[in-house]
Amino acid sequence: MQRRITSPGPLLDEKGHLTETGYATSLLKTYDRSRVAAPWFRIKEWDYYCITSDRYALALTIANNGYLYMDSISLLDFDANSQATKSLISPPFQKRVLPATSVRGDLRAAGKGYEMVFENDGKRRRLRGFMEGFPNGQEQLTFDVSLFSAPRDSMVIVTPFAGHANAFYYNQKINCLRAEGQVTLGDRQYLFAPAHSFAVLDWGRGVWTYDNTWYWGSASGTAEGKPFGFNIGYGFGDTSAATENMVFYDGTAHKLSQVNFEIPLRDGREDYLSPWKFTSDDGRFQMDFEPILDRAAKIDFKLLLSDQHQVFGRFSGKAILDNGQTVTVRKMAGFAEKVHNKW
């Protein structure tokens, strides 16, 4: 079952319960943090951008995870088969307010030796900032990238957690944003040109349960001369009303049901750098994935755990649209991940 949300209104009622569950193609429900019926340290909010070209990628995160803030920058060079990440975690000494909508609003995070600014006037998003000592204390990274030409449709999902009346996840993924700008690391420069550079926004707000494992995959580019992208994933909450699986072609969303991640095994453990496969239950989505880099990170404080494998590579395969048209994809840059959090 794929229940579509079609009417605007508040996300939460006066008791902090979801007014509706399911999926939409725009941010119809209004998020109001003051209605969340959970202590402040259980609320999770983040804005995550990943800008990708055929040769490199930049990932940016500003997050308020309740009892800690996290700001992170990753730079991935596919040609050099190298990646670097620097994440700064701090207690919530200063109040951090993330925008209640992805439609417009600015966000800034700063500390010793870094600043990250996400500006959004409703038409254009500008991501800019710097980080000293990236990634190993020797160089400064600066970035200034603009995103525009947002497609009409995006992936929006309202997900409850079974047995937890006040827990929910409100999420939007905007694929196929055109990107233009540059990243500088030391004497190296990485340019993003809108003809072949695309971004995805992962906008998340909610109250999560303590122990979760999720799978997520995303790619944006062009196929058969049109902007094409997809969002696939599962593993968190109660998705009986709707999944987050969608294909986007020339700005229009095409809903999928279930998509399975087939991660290869070696000696009984996931072999993240061997080829993956993705298949939908109705045969409308079939992709092969050739990994290039595993952006692996693990933080283990016993009670708090984050074990991440975000694998970047290239997708090839096909997707069948709602009208029966088959779109063929060849070596499109993107990523797929498995993340286990205790938070």
Protein backbone atom coordinates (compact mmCIF):
# COMPACT_ATOMS: atom_id res chain seq x y z
CA MET A 1 0.00 0.00 0.00
CA GLN A 2 1.21 3.49 -0.88
CA ARG A 3 -0.96 6.11 0.83
CA ARG A 4 -0.56 9.55 -0.70
CA ILE A 5 -0.96 12.72 1.35
CA THR A 6 -2.77 15.36 -0.72
CA SER A 7 -3.97 18.04 1.68
CA PRO A 8 -1.93 20.65 3.59
CA GLY A 9 -2.16 21.09 7.34
CA PRO A 10 -0.19 20.63 10.54
CA LEU A 11 2.10 17.62 10.80
CA LEU A 12 1.29 17.11 14.50
CA ASP A 13 -1.91 17.58 16.47
CA GLU A 14 -2.17 19.26 19.88
CA LYS A 15 -1.04 16.05 21.59
CA GLY A 16 2.05 15.74 19.41
CA HIS A 17 0.69 12.84 17.36
CA LEU A 18 0.92 12.65 13.57
CA THR A 19 -2.19 13.88 11.81
CA GLU A 20 -1.52 11.68 8.78
CA THR A 21 1.04 9.17 7.54
CA GLY A 22 2.14 8.37 4.00
CA TYR A 23 4.03 10.04 1.18
CA ALA A 24 3.76 13.25 -0.82
CA THR A 25 5.67 14.98 -3.59
CA SER A 26 5.96 18.32 -1.79
CA LEU A 27 6.19 19.50 1.80
CA LEU A 28 2.44 19.72 2.43
CA LYS A 29 2.47 19.22 6.18
CA THR A 30 3.74 22.01 8.41
CA TYR A 31 6.40 21.11 10.96
CA ASP A 32 6.10 22.96 14.26
CA ARG A 33 8.78 22.05 16.80
CA SER A 34 6.67 23.46 19.65
CA ARG A 35 4.11 20.66 19.05
CA VAL A 36 6.64 17.86 19.41
CA ALA A 37 5.64 15.79 22.46
CA ALA A 38 9.14 14.68 23.42
CA PRO A 39 11.99 16.11 25.49
CA TRP A 40 14.41 18.35 23.59
CA PHE A 41 17.21 15.80 23.74
CA ARG A 42 15.16 13.24 21.72
CA ILE A 43 14.44 15.58 18.78
CA LYS A 44 16.58 15.07 15.67
CA GLU A 45 16.87 17.74 12.97
CA TRP A 46 19.32 17.98 10.09
CA ASP A 47 20.03 19.47 6.67
CA TYR A 48 22.33 17.33 4.53
CA TYR A 49 23.50 18.19 1.02
CA CYS A 50 25.50 15.98 -1.32
CA ILE A 51 26.82 17.57 -4.52
CA THR A 52 28.12 15.12 -7.11
CA SER A 53 29.86 15.22 -10.47
CA ASP A 54 31.30 12.33 -12.44
CA ARG A 55 34.70 12.88 -10.81
CA TYR A 56 34.13 14.07 -7.23
CA ALA A 57 31.57 14.86 -4.57
CA LEU A 58 31.07 17.20 -1.61
CA ALA A 59 28.84 16.31 1.35
CA LEU A 60 27.76 18.83 4.00
CA THR A 61 25.81 18.29 7.22
CA ILE A 62 24.46 20.63 9.86
CA ALA A 63 22.56 18.69 12.50
CA ASN A 64 20.92 19.16 15.87
CA ASN A 65 20.64 15.69 17.35
CA GLY A 66 19.22 16.89 20.65
CA TYR A 67 21.97 16.26 23.17
CA LEU A 68 24.71 17.07 20.65
CA TYR A 69 25.31 19.12 17.53
CA MET A 70 27.20 17.73 14.55
CA ASP A 71 28.74 19.62 11.64
CA SER A 72 30.50 17.64 8.96
CA ILE A 73 32.24 18.05 5.60
CA SER A 74 33.29 15.22 3.28
CA LEU A 75 35.26 15.58 0.05
CA LEU A 76 35.47 12.57 -2.25
CA ASP A 77 37.74 12.31 -5.28
CA PHE A 78 36.68 9.43 -7.54
CA ASP A 79 39.67 9.78 -9.89
CA ALA A 80 42.18 9.58 -7.05
CA ASN A 81 40.12 6.96 -5.18
CA SER A 82 40.39 9.08 -2.05
CA GLN A 83 38.04 10.61 0.48
CA ALA A 84 38.36 12.75 3.58
CA THR A 85 35.84 13.68 6.26
CA LYS A 86 36.02 15.99 9.23
CA SER A 87 33.13 16.05 11.70
CA LEU A 88 32.86 18.34 14.68
CA ILE A 89 30.64 17.27 17.57
CA SER A 90 29.71 19.66 20.36
CA PRO A 91 27.25 19.81 23.26
CA PRO A 92 24.26 22.14 22.79
CA PHE A 93 25.65 25.11 24.70
CA GLN A 94 24.25 27.61 22.20
CA LYS A 95 20.72 27.36 20.83
CA ARG A 96 20.60 26.04 17.27
CA VAL A 97 17.36 26.53 15.38
CA LEU A 98 16.97 24.79 12.03
CA PRO A 99 14.36 26.11 9.57
CA ALA A 100 10.88 24.63 10.00
CA THR A 101 10.62 24.20 6.23
CA SER A 102 12.95 23.40 3.34
CA VAL A 103 11.23 25.96 1.11
CA ARG A 104 13.23 28.88 2.44
CA GLY A 105 15.35 29.86 5.42
CA ASP A 106 19.00 30.21 6.37
CA LEU A 107 21.15 28.07 8.63
CA ARG A 108 24.59 28.75 10.09
CA ALA A 109 26.97 26.66 12.15
CA ALA A 110 30.34 27.92 13.35
CA GLY A 111 33.04 27.15 15.86
CA LYS A 112 36.76 27.28 16.28
CA GLY A 113 38.32 27.06 12.84
CA TYR A 114 35.19 26.58 10.77
CA GLU A 115 31.94 28.05 9.48
CA MET A 116 29.15 26.55 7.42
CA VAL A 117 26.29 28.64 6.00
CA PHE A 118 23.25 27.36 4.09
CA GLU A 119 21.30 30.24 2.53
CA ASN A 120 17.93 29.69 0.84
CA ASP A 121 15.80 32.55 -0.49
CA GLY A 122 13.22 30.22 -2.02
CA LYS A 123 14.74 30.25 -5.48
CA ARG A 124 18.43 29.58 -5.02
CA ARG A 125 20.44 27.84 -2.33
CA ARG A 126 23.97 28.99 -1.57
CA LEU A 127 26.22 26.73 0.48
CA ARG A 128 29.43 28.39 1.63
CA GLY A 129 32.02 28.12 4.35
CA PHE A 130 35.45 26.92 5.38
CA MET A 131 37.12 24.43 7.67
CA GLU A 132 40.69 24.73 8.90
CA GLY A 133 42.87 21.69 9.44
CA PHE A 134 41.04 19.60 6.89
CA PRO A 135 41.22 16.68 7.14
CA ASN A 136 44.43 16.04 9.08
CA GLY A 137 45.42 19.46 10.41
CA GLN A 138 47.44 20.61 7.42
CA GLU A 139 45.12 22.34 4.93
CA GLN A 140 42.08 24.61 4.79
CA LEU A 141 38.99 23.65 2.82
CA THR A 142 36.68 26.35 1.46
CA PHE A 143 33.47 25.85 -0.48
CA ASP A 144 30.97 28.07 -2.28
CA VAL A 145 28.32 26.21 -4.27
CA SER A 146 24.93 27.40 -5.52
CA LEU A 147 21.98 25.07 -6.16
CA PHE A 148 19.03 25.95 -8.40
CA SER A 149 16.46 24.61 -10.87
CA ALA A 150 14.68 22.53 -8.25
CA PRO A 151 12.30 20.02 -9.87
CA ARG A 152 8.57 20.26 -9.30
CA ASP A 153 8.40 17.00 -7.35
CA SER A 154 10.41 15.62 -4.46
CA MET A 155 10.19 12.69 -2.06
CA VAL A 156 8.33 13.46 1.16
CA ILE A 157 7.42 10.83 3.73
CA VAL A 158 5.70 10.92 7.11
CA THR A 159 6.73 7.83 9.06
CA PRO A 160 5.56 6.70 12.53
CA PHE A 161 7.37 4.24 14.79
CA ALA A 162 5.19 1.35 15.94
CA GLY A 163 4.63 1.31 19.70
CA HIS A 164 5.94 4.87 20.14
CA ALA A 165 3.08 7.33 19.78
CA ASN A 166 5.25 10.43 19.96
CA ALA A 167 8.05 9.22 17.67
CA PHE A 168 8.04 10.12 13.97
CA TYR A 169 10.23 10.98 11.00
CA TYR A 170 9.32 13.78 8.59
CA ASN A 171 11.68 13.67 5.65
CA GLN A 172 12.13 15.31 2.28
CA LYS A 173 14.67 14.40 -0.38
CA ILE A 174 15.07 16.84 -3.26
CA ASN A 175 16.97 15.24 -6.15
CA CYS A 176 18.30 16.76 -9.36
CA LEU A 177 19.21 20.22 -8.04
CA ARG A 178 21.63 21.81 -10.50
CA ALA A 179 24.95 22.76 -8.90
CA GLU A 180 27.51 25.43 -9.71
CA GLY A 181 30.53 26.50 -7.69
CA GLN A 182 33.84 25.32 -6.36
CA VAL A 183 35.70 23.68 -3.52
CA THR A 184 39.32 24.50 -2.71
CA LEU A 185 41.57 22.29 -0.62
CA GLY A 186 45.09 23.60 -0.36
CA ASP A 187 46.24 24.19 -3.92
CA ARG A 188 43.60 21.87 -5.44
CA GLN A 189 40.36 23.10 -6.89
CA TYR A 190 37.19 21.14 -7.59
CA LEU A 191 34.70 22.80 -9.92
CA PHE A 192 31.00 22.02 -10.19
CA ALA A 193 29.38 23.00 -13.50
CA PRO A 194 25.56 22.83 -13.85
CA ALA A 195 25.72 20.83 -17.08
CA HIS A 196 26.97 17.75 -15.23
CA SER A 197 26.78 18.50 -11.49
CA PHE A 198 23.75 17.72 -9.35
CA ALA A 199 22.83 17.78 -5.69
CA VAL A 200 20.39 16.13 -3.35
CA LEU A 201 19.00 17.64 -0.14
CA ASP A 202 18.14 15.35 2.76
CA TRP A 203 15.90 17.42 5.06
CA GLY A 204 14.95 15.54 8.21
CA ARG A 205 12.94 16.43 11.31
CA GLY A 206 11.60 14.06 13.93
CA VAL A 207 11.76 12.05 17.12
CA TRP A 208 13.60 8.78 16.62
CA THR A 209 13.67 5.64 18.68
CA TYR A 210 16.98 4.64 20.23
CA ASP A 211 18.26 1.80 18.01
CA ASN A 212 17.85 1.97 14.22
CA THR A 213 19.44 0.59 11.07
CA TRP A 214 18.57 2.16 7.73
CA TYR A 215 19.47 1.77 4.08
CA TRP A 216 19.49 4.72 1.67
CA GLY A 217 20.48 5.19 -1.96
CA SER A 218 20.38 8.25 -4.19
CA ALA A 219 21.60 9.45 -7.57
CA SER A 220 20.93 12.46 -9.79
CA GLY A 221 22.01 13.21 -13.32
CA THR A 222 20.63 12.99 -16.83
CA ALA A 223 19.19 10.01 -18.70
CA GLU A 224 18.00 10.10 -22.29
CA GLY A 225 18.48 13.87 -22.34
CA LYS A 226 16.31 14.64 -19.30
CA PRO A 227 17.07 15.23 -15.60
CA PHE A 228 16.78 11.89 -13.85
CA GLY A 229 17.23 10.78 -10.27
CA PHE A 230 15.97 8.39 -7.65
CA ASN A 231 15.60 7.95 -3.91
CA ILE A 232 15.46 4.47 -2.43
CA GLY A 233 15.59 3.20 1.13
CA TYR A 234 14.07 1.33 4.07
CA GLY A 235 14.78 0.04 7.54
CA PHE A 236 13.39 2.67 9.91
CA GLY A 237 9.94 3.12 11.42
CA ASP A 238 6.62 1.74 10.24
CA THR A 239 6.49 2.15 6.46
CA SER A 240 3.26 0.21 5.97
CA ALA A 241 1.54 3.41 4.76
CA ALA A 242 4.26 4.27 2.25
CA THR A 243 7.90 3.76 1.36
CA GLU A 244 10.40 6.45 0.38
CA ASN A 245 11.13 4.86 -3.01
CA MET A 246 10.69 7.24 -5.97
CA VAL A 247 12.08 7.85 -9.43
CA PHE A 248 12.25 11.39 -10.84
CA TYR A 249 12.22 12.06 -14.58
CA ASP A 250 12.12 15.56 -16.02
CA GLY A 251 10.82 16.94 -12.72
CA THR A 252 8.01 14.42 -12.19
CA ALA A 253 7.93 11.77 -9.45
CA HIS A 254 7.06 8.14 -10.14
CA LYS A 255 6.26 6.11 -7.02
CA LEU A 256 7.79 2.72 -6.35
CA SER A 257 6.80 0.19 -3.71
CA GLN A 258 9.60 -1.89 -2.15
CA VAL A 259 13.23 -1.82 -3.30
CA ASN A 260 15.68 -4.40 -1.98
CA PHE A 261 19.38 -3.66 -1.38
CA GLU A 262 21.51 -6.69 -2.26
CA ILE A 263 24.85 -6.03 -0.57
CA PRO A 264 27.39 -8.78 -1.35
CA LEU A 265 28.83 -10.86 1.47
CA ARG A 266 32.33 -12.13 2.05
CA ASP A 267 33.05 -14.48 4.93
CA GLY A 268 29.59 -13.73 6.31
CA ARG A 269 30.03 -9.94 6.40
CA GLU A 270 29.00 -7.16 4.03
CA ASP A 271 31.58 -6.55 1.31
CA TYR A 272 30.76 -2.92 0.59
CA LEU A 273 33.26 -2.45 -2.26
CA SER A 274 32.01 -5.36 -4.37
CA PRO A 275 29.11 -4.76 -6.84
CA TRP A 276 25.62 -4.31 -5.34
CA LYS A 277 22.21 -4.93 -6.90
CA PHE A 278 18.90 -3.15 -6.37
CA THR A 279 15.54 -4.58 -7.41
CA SER A 280 11.96 -3.51 -6.82
CA ASP A 281 9.19 -5.93 -5.98
CA ASP A 282 7.27 -4.99 -9.14
CA GLY A 283 10.25 -5.13 -11.53
CA ARG A 284 10.12 -1.39 -12.28
CA PHE A 285 13.53 -0.61 -10.81
CA GLN A 286 16.67 -2.64 -11.49
CA MET A 287 20.13 -1.21 -10.90
CA ASP A 288 23.67 -2.49 -10.69
CA PHE A 289 26.03 -0.47 -8.52
CA GLU A 290 29.80 -0.33 -9.00
CA PRO A 291 31.39 1.00 -5.78
CA ILE A 292 34.37 3.35 -5.86
CA LEU A 293 34.74 4.60 -2.29
CA ASP A 294 33.38 3.58 1.11
CA ARG A 295 33.01 6.63 3.35
CA ALA A 296 33.08 4.54 6.49
CA ALA A 297 32.88 6.09 9.95
CA LYS A 298 32.30 4.55 13.36
CA ILE A 299 31.78 6.30 16.68
CA ASP A 300 31.24 3.96 19.62
CA PHE A 301 30.60 5.44 23.07
CA LYS A 302 28.78 2.24 24.18
CA LEU A 303 25.44 3.93 24.90
CA LEU A 304 25.88 6.04 21.75
CA LEU A 305 26.84 4.38 18.48
CA SER A 306 27.06 5.45 14.86
CA ASP A 307 28.35 2.89 12.36
CA GLN A 308 28.13 4.24 8.83
CA HIS A 309 29.04 2.93 5.40
CA GLN A 310 28.17 5.47 2.71
CA VAL A 311 29.45 3.97 -0.51
CA PHE A 312 29.94 6.16 -3.58
CA GLY A 313 29.97 4.69 -7.05
CA ARG A 314 28.07 4.45 -10.33
CA PHE A 315 24.62 3.06 -11.10
CA SER A 316 23.59 1.34 -14.32
CA GLY A 317 20.21 -0.19 -15.09
CA LYS A 318 16.63 0.76 -15.86
CA ALA A 319 13.53 2.31 -14.35
CA ILE A 320 9.99 2.03 -15.65
CA LEU A 321 7.87 5.15 -15.25
CA ASP A 322 4.17 5.28 -14.40
CA ASN A 323 3.27 5.50 -18.10
CA GLY A 324 5.28 2.39 -18.95
CA GLN A 325 8.26 4.22 -20.43
CA THR A 326 11.61 2.58 -19.72
CA VAL A 327 14.51 4.90 -18.84
CA THR A 328 18.00 3.48 -19.17
CA VAL A 329 20.76 4.61 -16.81
CA ARG A 330 24.47 4.24 -17.58
CA LYS A 331 27.17 4.79 -14.98
CA MET A 332 25.38 7.57 -13.08
CA ALA A 333 27.30 8.80 -10.03
CA GLY A 334 25.55 8.38 -6.70
CA PHE A 335 25.74 6.57 -3.39
CA ALA A 336 24.18 3.83 -1.29
CA GLU A 337 24.54 3.40 2.44
CA LYS A 338 23.90 1.27 5.48
CA VAL A 339 23.84 3.08 8.81
CA HIS A 340 23.36 1.71 12.33
CA ASN A 341 22.70 4.28 15.05
CA LYS A 342 22.08 4.07 18.76
CA TRP A 343 21.19 7.66 19.58
